[in-house]
N, C-alpha and C. Protein backbone atom coordinates (compact mmCIF):
# COMPACT_ATOMS: atom_id res chain seq x y z
N UNK A 1 85.55 59.63 134.89
CA UNK A 1 86.11 60.25 136.39
C UNK A 1 86.81 59.14 137.15
N UNK A 2 87.57 59.02 137.75
CA UNK A 2 88.73 58.60 138.36
C UNK A 2 87.94 58.08 139.47
N UNK A 3 88.63 56.95 139.98
CA UNK A 3 87.89 56.72 141.25
C UNK A 3 89.26 56.18 142.47
N UNK A 4 88.68 56.84 144.07
CA UNK A 4 89.89 56.66 144.80
C UNK A 4 89.94 55.15 144.77
N UNK A 5 90.77 54.57 144.70
CA UNK A 5 91.10 53.21 144.87
C UNK A 5 91.24 52.72 145.87
N UNK A 6 91.09 51.42 146.46
CA UNK A 6 90.93 51.04 147.69
C UNK A 6 92.43 51.33 148.16
N UNK A 7 93.66 50.90 147.28
CA UNK A 7 95.00 51.15 147.69
C UNK A 7 95.43 52.73 148.06
N UNK A 8 94.70 53.53 147.51
CA UNK A 8 94.67 54.68 147.96
C UNK A 8 94.33 54.71 149.29
N UNK A 9 92.96 54.43 149.46
CA UNK A 9 92.88 54.63 150.83
C UNK A 9 93.38 53.75 151.88
N UNK A 10 94.16 52.60 151.59
CA UNK A 10 94.45 51.44 152.40
C UNK A 10 96.03 52.31 152.91
N UNK A 11 96.54 52.78 151.58
CA UNK A 11 97.95 53.43 151.99
C UNK A 11 97.96 54.72 152.95
N UNK A 12 96.87 55.14 152.96
CA UNK A 12 96.45 56.42 153.66
C UNK A 12 96.45 55.87 154.90
N UNK A 13 95.47 55.30 154.76
CA UNK A 13 95.09 54.57 156.47
C UNK A 13 96.05 53.49 157.04
N UNK A 14 96.84 52.82 156.54
CA UNK A 14 98.20 52.39 157.14
C UNK A 14 99.32 53.82 157.44
N UNK A 15 99.56 54.29 156.72
CA UNK A 15 100.44 55.93 156.93
C UNK A 15 99.20 56.67 158.39
N UNK A 16 98.08 56.68 158.39
CA UNK A 16 97.80 57.60 159.27
C UNK A 16 97.84 56.41 160.99
N UNK A 17 97.58 54.95 161.06
CA UNK A 17 98.16 54.50 161.71
C UNK A 17 99.16 54.32 162.45
N UNK A 18 100.05 54.60 161.43
CA UNK A 18 101.76 54.61 161.88
C UNK A 18 101.56 55.95 162.44
N UNK A 19 101.28 56.90 162.01
CA UNK A 19 101.45 58.45 162.11
C UNK A 19 100.99 58.42 163.82
N UNK A 20 99.80 57.91 164.11
CA UNK A 20 99.24 58.09 165.36
C UNK A 20 100.02 57.25 166.46
N UNK A 21 100.62 56.28 166.36
CA UNK A 21 101.12 55.52 166.91
C UNK A 21 102.42 55.63 167.17
N UNK A 22 103.09 56.59 166.05
CA UNK A 22 104.68 56.85 165.96
C UNK A 22 104.45 58.70 167.13
N UNK A 23 103.29 59.12 166.98
CA UNK A 23 103.57 60.53 167.42
C UNK A 23 103.77 61.00 168.78
N UNK A 24 104.55 61.68 169.56
CA UNK A 24 104.73 62.09 170.50
C UNK A 24 103.52 62.41 171.66
N UNK A 25 103.49 61.48 172.82
CA UNK A 25 102.46 61.74 173.84
C UNK A 25 101.71 63.17 173.97
N UNK A 26 100.23 63.13 173.72
CA UNK A 26 99.75 64.34 173.82
C UNK A 26 99.69 65.25 174.95
N UNK A 27 99.94 67.19 174.42
CA UNK A 27 99.76 67.74 176.16
C UNK A 27 99.04 67.16 176.88
N UNK A 28 97.89 67.00 176.96
CA UNK A 28 96.78 66.64 177.31
C UNK A 28 96.16 65.32 177.38
N UNK A 29 95.63 65.09 178.33
CA UNK A 29 95.27 63.28 178.15
C UNK A 29 94.02 63.69 177.40
N UNK A 30 93.46 64.59 177.20
CA UNK A 30 91.76 64.53 176.30
C UNK A 30 91.87 64.66 174.93
N UNK A 31 92.83 65.36 174.46
CA UNK A 31 93.28 65.70 173.05
C UNK A 31 94.24 64.59 172.42
N UNK A 32 94.34 64.62 171.08
CA UNK A 32 95.74 63.93 170.17
C UNK A 32 95.32 64.72 168.77
N UNK A 33 95.96 63.71 167.95
CA UNK A 33 96.31 64.34 166.81
C UNK A 33 96.48 63.44 165.51
N UNK A 34 96.27 63.58 164.25
CA UNK A 34 96.71 62.48 163.13
C UNK A 34 97.73 63.23 162.00
N UNK A 35 98.08 62.29 161.52
CA UNK A 35 98.79 63.13 160.19
C UNK A 35 99.09 62.09 159.19
N UNK A 36 98.92 62.44 158.08
CA UNK A 36 99.20 61.40 156.85
C UNK A 36 99.48 61.92 156.18
N UNK A 37 100.08 60.72 154.82
CA UNK A 37 100.04 61.26 153.11
C UNK A 37 99.09 60.34 152.63
N UNK A 38 98.79 61.09 151.50
CA UNK A 38 97.87 60.58 150.58
C UNK A 38 98.26 60.24 149.17
N UNK A 39 98.75 59.17 148.51
CA UNK A 39 99.33 59.03 147.34
C UNK A 39 98.54 58.03 146.39
N UNK A 40 98.90 57.99 145.72
CA UNK A 40 97.65 57.27 144.07
C UNK A 40 98.44 55.99 143.74
N UNK A 41 98.08 55.25 143.25
CA UNK A 41 98.07 53.67 142.88
C UNK A 41 99.84 53.28 142.52
N UNK A 42 100.39 54.64 141.94
CA UNK A 42 101.74 54.61 141.80
C UNK A 42 102.65 55.45 142.71
N UNK A 43 102.09 55.65 143.92
CA UNK A 43 102.65 56.42 145.10
C UNK A 43 103.15 57.85 144.94
N UNK A 44 102.34 58.28 144.11
CA UNK A 44 102.81 59.92 143.88
C UNK A 44 101.63 60.49 144.46
N UNK A 45 102.48 61.42 145.16
CA UNK A 45 101.11 62.42 146.21
C UNK A 45 100.27 63.01 145.52
N UNK A 46 99.12 63.04 146.37
CA UNK A 46 98.18 64.00 145.81
C UNK A 46 97.70 65.14 146.50
N UNK A 47 97.94 66.37 146.03
CA UNK A 47 97.31 67.37 146.43
C UNK A 47 95.84 68.01 146.27
N UNK A 48 95.68 68.77 147.39
CA UNK A 48 94.43 69.07 147.37
C UNK A 48 93.06 68.36 147.45
N UNK A 49 93.53 67.60 148.20
CA UNK A 49 92.58 66.30 148.94
C UNK A 49 92.00 66.68 150.10
N UNK A 50 90.42 66.75 149.75
CA UNK A 50 89.93 67.11 151.16
C UNK A 50 90.10 65.62 152.01
N UNK A 51 90.12 66.29 152.86
CA UNK A 51 90.33 65.04 154.13
C UNK A 51 89.19 65.51 155.21
N UNK A 52 88.39 64.88 155.45
CA UNK A 52 87.42 64.33 156.18
C UNK A 52 87.10 63.67 157.38
N UNK A 53 87.67 64.21 158.93
CA UNK A 53 87.92 63.51 159.95
C UNK A 53 86.75 63.75 160.58
N UNK A 54 85.38 62.60 160.46
CA UNK A 54 84.68 62.69 161.45
C UNK A 54 84.35 61.59 163.26
N UNK A 55 84.44 62.62 163.98
CA UNK A 55 84.25 61.56 165.44
C UNK A 55 83.26 61.11 165.65
N UNK A 56 83.24 59.55 165.81
CA UNK A 56 81.96 58.77 165.86
C UNK A 56 81.28 59.14 167.70
N UNK A 57 81.87 59.94 168.74
CA UNK A 57 81.73 60.13 169.50
C UNK A 57 80.37 61.09 169.89
N UNK A 58 79.99 61.42 170.91
CA UNK A 58 78.93 62.61 171.64
C UNK A 58 79.91 63.82 171.89
N UNK A 59 79.76 64.71 171.11
CA UNK A 59 78.75 65.22 170.22
C UNK A 59 79.27 65.06 169.10
N UNK A 60 78.67 64.67 168.06
CA UNK A 60 79.28 64.33 166.40
C UNK A 60 80.04 65.83 166.27
N UNK A 61 81.62 65.35 165.81
CA UNK A 61 82.02 66.70 164.98
C UNK A 61 82.39 65.80 163.76
N UNK A 62 82.83 67.02 162.88
CA UNK A 62 83.27 66.66 161.79
C UNK A 62 84.41 67.77 161.50
N UNK A 63 85.61 67.33 161.28
CA UNK A 63 86.81 68.40 161.32
C UNK A 63 87.50 68.38 159.32
N UNK A 64 87.76 69.47 158.66
CA UNK A 64 87.99 69.07 157.29
C UNK A 64 89.61 70.09 157.20
N UNK A 65 90.54 69.09 156.81
CA UNK A 65 92.02 69.02 156.18
C UNK A 65 92.18 69.24 154.53
N UNK A 66 92.86 69.93 154.01
CA UNK A 66 93.42 69.62 152.61
C UNK A 66 95.08 68.98 152.76
N UNK A 67 94.92 68.20 151.98
CA UNK A 67 96.44 68.23 151.74
C UNK A 67 97.19 68.99 150.60
N UNK A 68 98.99 69.19 151.39
CA UNK A 68 99.29 69.92 150.63
C UNK A 68 100.35 69.74 149.48
N UNK A 69 101.17 69.71 148.79
CA UNK A 69 101.25 69.66 147.72
C UNK A 69 102.21 68.57 147.80
N UNK A 70 102.57 67.82 149.07
CA UNK A 70 103.39 66.52 148.97
C UNK A 70 102.50 65.39 149.56
N UNK A 71 101.01 65.84 149.00
CA UNK A 71 100.39 65.43 149.76
C UNK A 71 99.79 65.00 151.44
N UNK A 72 100.63 65.56 152.22
CA UNK A 72 100.44 65.25 153.67
C UNK A 72 99.13 66.35 154.15
N UNK A 73 99.23 65.81 155.63
CA UNK A 73 97.87 66.46 156.10
C UNK A 73 98.25 66.78 157.62
N UNK A 74 97.87 67.19 158.28
CA UNK A 74 97.99 67.12 160.06
C UNK A 74 97.00 67.74 160.38
N UNK A 75 96.19 67.13 161.69
CA UNK A 75 95.07 67.84 162.47
C UNK A 75 95.14 67.56 164.03
N UNK A 76 95.81 68.44 164.57
CA UNK A 76 95.83 68.52 166.12
C UNK A 76 94.71 68.90 166.95
N UNK A 77 94.51 68.23 168.08
CA UNK A 77 93.60 68.85 169.18
C UNK A 77 92.39 68.19 169.03
N UNK A 78 92.21 66.80 168.64
CA UNK A 78 91.12 66.00 168.37
C UNK A 78 91.04 65.52 169.88
N UNK A 79 89.70 65.59 170.40
CA UNK A 79 89.40 64.57 171.22
C UNK A 79 89.68 63.03 170.87
N UNK A 80 90.23 62.95 172.03
CA UNK A 80 90.44 61.08 171.85
C UNK A 80 88.93 60.20 171.67
N UNK A 81 88.78 59.17 170.86
CA UNK A 81 88.00 58.20 170.26
C UNK A 81 88.40 57.71 169.29
N UNK A 82 86.97 57.03 168.43
CA UNK A 82 86.88 56.32 167.23
C UNK A 82 86.61 57.91 165.99
N UNK A 83 87.18 57.47 164.99
CA UNK A 83 87.23 58.20 164.14
C UNK A 83 86.59 57.45 162.88
N UNK A 84 86.06 58.30 161.64
CA UNK A 84 85.77 57.54 160.40
C UNK A 84 86.88 58.96 159.64
N UNK A 85 87.45 58.64 158.31
CA UNK A 85 88.39 59.12 157.78
C UNK A 85 88.09 59.13 156.27
N UNK A 86 87.79 60.08 155.54
CA UNK A 86 86.93 60.02 154.47
C UNK A 86 87.85 60.69 153.64
N UNK A 87 88.20 60.38 152.08
CA UNK A 87 89.19 61.42 151.17
C UNK A 87 88.45 61.51 149.99
N UNK A 88 88.11 62.82 149.40
CA UNK A 88 87.30 62.89 148.30
C UNK A 88 88.46 64.28 147.62
N UNK A 89 88.08 64.03 146.33
CA UNK A 89 88.83 65.23 144.90
C UNK A 89 87.90 65.21 143.88
N UNK A 90 87.47 66.14 143.33
CA UNK A 90 87.16 66.69 142.46
C UNK A 90 87.25 65.62 140.76
N UNK A 91 86.67 65.18 140.27
CA UNK A 91 87.70 64.30 139.60
C UNK A 91 87.19 62.92 140.28
N UNK A 92 87.56 62.22 141.32
CA UNK A 92 87.42 60.90 141.54
C UNK A 92 86.45 60.67 142.33
N UNK A 93 85.62 59.25 142.64
CA UNK A 93 84.64 58.91 143.20
C UNK A 93 85.37 58.75 144.59
N UNK A 94 84.08 58.57 145.36
CA UNK A 94 84.70 57.92 146.53
C UNK A 94 84.27 56.84 146.69
């Protein structure tokens, strides 16, 4: 079973951080969004990755997305605050 490498998570994390910083101002002050690209250690995009976005505030919320064939995902309409993001795929360990 392959393991989701720290490089994969780090690469996605850096992409997510940049995407959030470069995203246009939200339509409403109470919502925001995130987008990113998930790649493997060789830089190849990973399709069909389950992206779990967990809101750390109250009330607890969990959003689910899947990456497209280019490894990309977008989630809009998120409440502003802190989130944890997990990436999983069958055949890989978290």
